[in-house]
N, C-alpha and C. Protein backbone atom coordinates (compact mmCIF):
# COMPACT_ATOMS: atom_id res chain seq x y z
N MET A 1 9.03 2.47 -9.26
CA MET A 1 9.09 2.50 -7.71
C MET A 1 9.61 1.12 -7.23
N PHE A 2 10.00 1.35 -5.96
CA PHE A 2 10.46 0.21 -5.14
C PHE A 2 11.53 -0.71 -5.92
N GLU A 3 12.53 0.15 -6.44
CA GLU A 3 13.57 -0.64 -7.00
C GLU A 3 14.55 -0.82 -6.20
N GLY A 4 15.48 -1.97 -6.13
CA GLY A 4 16.75 -2.32 -5.52
C GLY A 4 16.59 -3.55 -4.78
N SER A 5 17.82 -3.92 -4.06
CA SER A 5 17.81 -5.05 -3.54
C SER A 5 16.81 -5.31 -2.43
N ASP A 6 16.37 -4.22 -1.61
CA ASP A 6 15.45 -4.47 -0.73
C ASP A 6 13.94 -4.75 -0.90
N PHE A 7 13.72 -4.76 -2.19
CA PHE A 7 12.44 -5.02 -2.78
C PHE A 7 12.36 -6.23 -3.84
N PRO A 8 11.35 -7.08 -3.71
CA PRO A 8 11.44 -8.26 -4.71
C PRO A 8 11.26 -7.96 -6.14
N THR A 9 10.52 -7.00 -6.43
CA THR A 9 10.30 -6.53 -7.76
C THR A 9 10.14 -4.93 -7.93
N SER A 10 9.99 -4.25 -9.06
CA SER A 10 9.64 -2.76 -8.97
C SER A 10 8.27 -2.84 -9.35
N LEU A 11 7.52 -1.52 -9.06
CA LEU A 11 6.16 -1.13 -9.42
C LEU A 11 6.18 -0.16 -10.31
N ASP A 12 5.38 -0.29 -11.33
CA ASP A 12 5.29 0.53 -12.38
C ASP A 12 4.72 1.66 -11.86
N GLU A 13 5.41 2.93 -12.25
CA GLU A 13 4.79 4.26 -11.60
C GLU A 13 3.49 4.48 -12.24
N GLU A 14 3.07 4.21 -13.13
CA GLU A 14 1.64 4.51 -13.81
C GLU A 14 0.68 3.73 -13.02
N VAL A 15 1.03 2.49 -12.71
CA VAL A 15 0.12 1.52 -11.58
C VAL A 15 0.03 2.33 -10.30
N PHE A 16 0.92 2.76 -9.84
CA PHE A 16 1.19 3.50 -8.48
C PHE A 16 0.28 4.77 -8.45
N ASN A 17 0.40 5.60 -9.66
CA ASN A 17 -0.39 6.73 -9.71
C ASN A 17 -1.98 6.35 -9.80
N VAL A 18 -2.19 5.37 -10.57
CA VAL A 18 -3.68 4.87 -10.65
C VAL A 18 -4.23 4.57 -9.36
N TRP A 19 -3.40 3.89 -8.51
CA TRP A 19 -3.85 3.55 -7.09
C TRP A 19 -4.22 4.82 -6.24
N PHE A 20 -3.27 5.88 -6.34
CA PHE A 20 -3.64 7.08 -5.70
C PHE A 20 -4.94 7.72 -6.11
N GLU A 21 -5.28 7.65 -7.38
CA GLU A 21 -6.37 8.39 -8.01
C GLU A 21 -7.53 7.55 -7.67
N ASN A 22 -7.49 6.08 -7.65
CA ASN A 22 -8.56 5.25 -7.37
C ASN A 22 -9.06 5.65 -5.76
N GLY A 23 -7.95 5.89 -5.00
CA GLY A 23 -8.34 5.91 -3.70
C GLY A 23 -9.14 7.35 -3.38
N ARG A 24 -8.45 8.27 -4.17
CA ARG A 24 -9.02 9.72 -3.81
C ARG A 24 -10.51 9.68 -4.59
N LEU A 25 -10.84 8.80 -5.60
CA LEU A 25 -12.14 8.94 -6.11
C LEU A 25 -12.97 7.87 -5.58
N SER A 26 -12.77 7.18 -4.53
CA SER A 26 -13.57 6.05 -4.10
C SER A 26 -14.77 7.02 -3.14
N LYS A 27 -15.88 6.34 -3.26
CA LYS A 27 -17.00 6.84 -2.51
C LYS A 27 -16.81 6.74 -0.92
N ARG A 28 -16.02 5.77 -0.61
CA ARG A 28 -15.61 5.80 0.80
C ARG A 28 -14.58 6.92 0.91
N ARG A 29 -14.55 7.35 2.09
CA ARG A 29 -13.43 8.48 2.38
C ARG A 29 -12.22 8.00 2.96
N TYR A 30 -11.34 7.33 1.99
CA TYR A 30 -10.10 6.89 2.36
C TYR A 30 -9.02 7.90 2.50
N ASN A 31 -8.04 7.96 3.34
CA ASN A 31 -7.00 8.79 3.60
C ASN A 31 -5.75 8.24 3.22
N TYR A 32 -5.56 6.88 3.27
CA TYR A 32 -4.17 6.38 3.25
C TYR A 32 -4.12 5.07 2.08
N LEU A 33 -3.11 5.16 1.45
CA LEU A 33 -2.82 4.11 0.56
C LEU A 33 -1.67 3.20 1.03
N LEU A 34 -1.98 1.98 1.24
CA LEU A 34 -0.99 1.02 1.59
C LEU A 34 -0.43 0.12 0.64
N ILE A 35 0.90 0.03 0.33
CA ILE A 35 1.22 -0.83 -0.67
C ILE A 35 1.58 -2.12 -0.09
N ILE A 36 1.12 -3.28 -0.72
CA ILE A 36 1.25 -4.59 0.09
C ILE A 36 2.05 -5.45 -1.00
N TRP A 37 2.87 -6.35 -0.53
CA TRP A 37 3.61 -7.31 -1.39
C TRP A 37 2.95 -8.55 -0.97
N ASP A 38 2.38 -9.25 -2.05
CA ASP A 38 1.76 -10.65 -1.84
C ASP A 38 2.57 -11.56 -2.52
N GLU A 39 3.23 -12.40 -1.35
CA GLU A 39 4.32 -13.54 -1.74
C GLU A 39 3.56 -14.48 -2.61
N HIS A 40 2.43 -14.92 -2.40
CA HIS A 40 1.76 -16.03 -3.23
C HIS A 40 1.74 -15.58 -4.61
N GLU A 41 1.24 -14.32 -4.91
CA GLU A 41 0.97 -13.96 -6.43
C GLU A 41 2.08 -13.15 -6.86
N SER A 42 3.08 -12.99 -5.90
CA SER A 42 4.38 -12.34 -6.48
C SER A 42 4.02 -11.05 -7.23
N LYS A 43 3.32 -10.18 -6.43
CA LYS A 43 2.85 -8.87 -7.06
C LYS A 43 2.54 -7.81 -5.95
N TYR A 44 2.47 -6.62 -6.05
CA TYR A 44 2.17 -5.53 -5.24
C TYR A 44 0.53 -5.24 -5.50
N ARG A 45 -0.15 -4.87 -4.28
CA ARG A 45 -1.46 -4.76 -4.21
C ARG A 45 -1.83 -3.55 -3.60
N PRO A 46 -2.73 -2.77 -3.75
CA PRO A 46 -3.15 -1.60 -3.00
C PRO A 46 -4.12 -1.88 -1.95
N TYR A 47 -4.12 -1.27 -0.84
CA TYR A 47 -4.92 -1.56 0.26
C TYR A 47 -5.21 0.00 0.84
N TYR A 48 -6.48 0.42 0.82
CA TYR A 48 -6.89 1.72 1.25
C TYR A 48 -7.46 1.57 2.67
N ALA A 49 -7.03 2.64 3.34
CA ALA A 49 -7.50 2.82 4.80
C ALA A 49 -8.22 4.18 5.08
N GLU A 50 -9.05 4.14 6.02
CA GLU A 50 -9.76 5.52 6.22
C GLU A 50 -8.92 6.27 7.33
N ASP A 51 -8.43 5.60 8.25
CA ASP A 51 -7.62 6.33 9.36
C ASP A 51 -6.25 5.56 9.71
N ARG A 52 -5.40 6.39 10.22
CA ARG A 52 -4.04 5.93 10.46
C ARG A 52 -3.94 4.73 11.28
N ASP A 53 -4.88 4.50 12.28
CA ASP A 53 -4.83 3.40 13.17
C ASP A 53 -4.95 1.94 12.37
N GLU A 54 -5.68 2.04 11.10
CA GLU A 54 -5.76 0.83 10.29
C GLU A 54 -4.23 0.35 9.75
N ILE A 55 -3.40 1.38 9.63
CA ILE A 55 -2.01 0.93 9.04
C ILE A 55 -1.40 0.00 10.32
N GLY A 56 -1.46 0.46 11.53
CA GLY A 56 -0.60 -0.38 12.45
C GLY A 56 -1.33 -1.82 12.58
N LYS A 57 -2.81 -1.73 12.56
CA LYS A 57 -3.38 -2.93 12.74
C LYS A 57 -3.27 -3.89 11.67
N TYR A 58 -3.21 -3.40 10.35
CA TYR A 58 -2.94 -4.26 9.01
C TYR A 58 -1.47 -4.74 9.30
N GLN A 59 -0.45 -3.99 9.69
CA GLN A 59 0.98 -4.32 9.96
C GLN A 59 0.86 -5.58 10.66
N THR A 60 0.32 -5.48 12.14
CA THR A 60 0.48 -6.42 13.00
C THR A 60 -0.49 -7.80 12.62
N TYR A 61 -1.57 -7.64 12.06
CA TYR A 61 -2.57 -8.55 11.95
C TYR A 61 -2.30 -9.46 10.77
N LYS A 62 -2.19 -8.75 9.54
CA LYS A 62 -1.86 -9.40 8.15
C LYS A 62 -0.60 -9.85 8.08
N SER A 63 0.46 -9.15 8.33
CA SER A 63 1.75 -9.63 8.18
C SER A 63 2.13 -10.81 8.87
N SER A 64 1.69 -11.13 10.16
CA SER A 64 1.87 -12.31 10.82
C SER A 64 0.95 -13.31 10.65
N ARG A 65 0.08 -13.14 9.77
CA ARG A 65 -0.99 -14.40 9.52
C ARG A 65 -1.13 -14.77 8.05
N THR A 66 -0.37 -14.03 7.16
CA THR A 66 -0.54 -14.42 5.63
C THR A 66 0.87 -14.17 4.90
N SER A 67 0.68 -14.34 3.66
CA SER A 67 1.97 -14.08 2.86
C SER A 67 2.09 -12.66 2.55
N GLU A 68 1.37 -11.75 3.09
CA GLU A 68 1.33 -10.35 2.67
C GLU A 68 2.32 -9.73 3.61
N SER A 69 2.99 -8.61 2.96
CA SER A 69 3.68 -7.78 3.95
C SER A 69 3.63 -6.34 3.43
N LEU A 70 3.56 -5.44 4.45
CA LEU A 70 3.19 -3.98 4.13
C LEU A 70 4.71 -3.53 3.83
N VAL A 71 4.61 -2.91 2.39
CA VAL A 71 5.90 -2.27 1.93
C VAL A 71 6.18 -0.75 2.24
N ALA A 72 4.96 -0.09 2.17
CA ALA A 72 4.86 1.26 2.35
C ALA A 72 3.55 1.74 2.51
N ALA A 73 3.34 3.04 3.02
CA ALA A 73 2.00 3.45 3.37
C ALA A 73 2.16 5.15 3.08
N TYR A 74 1.14 5.60 2.35
CA TYR A 74 1.25 6.97 1.83
C TYR A 74 -0.06 7.84 2.30
N ASP A 75 0.03 9.03 2.52
CA ASP A 75 -1.17 9.79 2.72
C ASP A 75 -1.71 9.93 1.14
N LEU A 76 -2.89 9.79 1.00
CA LEU A 76 -3.55 9.87 -0.34
C LEU A 76 -3.61 11.27 -0.97
N TYR A 77 -3.55 12.20 -0.17
CA TYR A 77 -3.67 13.53 -0.61
C TYR A 77 -2.56 14.43 -0.68
N SER A 78 -1.70 14.19 0.42
CA SER A 78 -0.38 14.84 0.18
C SER A 78 0.83 14.13 -0.55
N GLU A 79 0.36 12.76 -0.64
CA GLU A 79 1.26 11.97 -1.43
C GLU A 79 2.57 11.74 -0.57
N SER A 80 2.68 12.03 0.82
CA SER A 80 3.81 11.89 1.55
C SER A 80 3.94 10.30 2.04
N LYS A 81 5.13 9.92 2.01
CA LYS A 81 5.30 8.62 2.69
C LYS A 81 5.14 8.72 4.19
N ILE A 82 4.44 7.58 4.71
CA ILE A 82 4.23 7.56 6.05
C ILE A 82 5.27 6.47 6.80
N ILE A 83 5.22 5.29 5.92
CA ILE A 83 6.04 4.19 6.39
C ILE A 83 6.80 3.85 5.19
């Protein structure tokens, strides 16, 4: 996942699938999986959101104030890419 010159490194597909499963199995009712690139740790991290508004808030707030950047966002249940 995320291979090519547009991305700092690739993400193992097994890890990606585990993140989907963890989001679905969470006791909280998450609907979205955000893939975050952490520049300090040089790795991808998952972030789970309950509603779509959180995606925009994360994109605006986190990206401008930290070393994190939003790479992609997915619907947890349809697995369709939103961003």
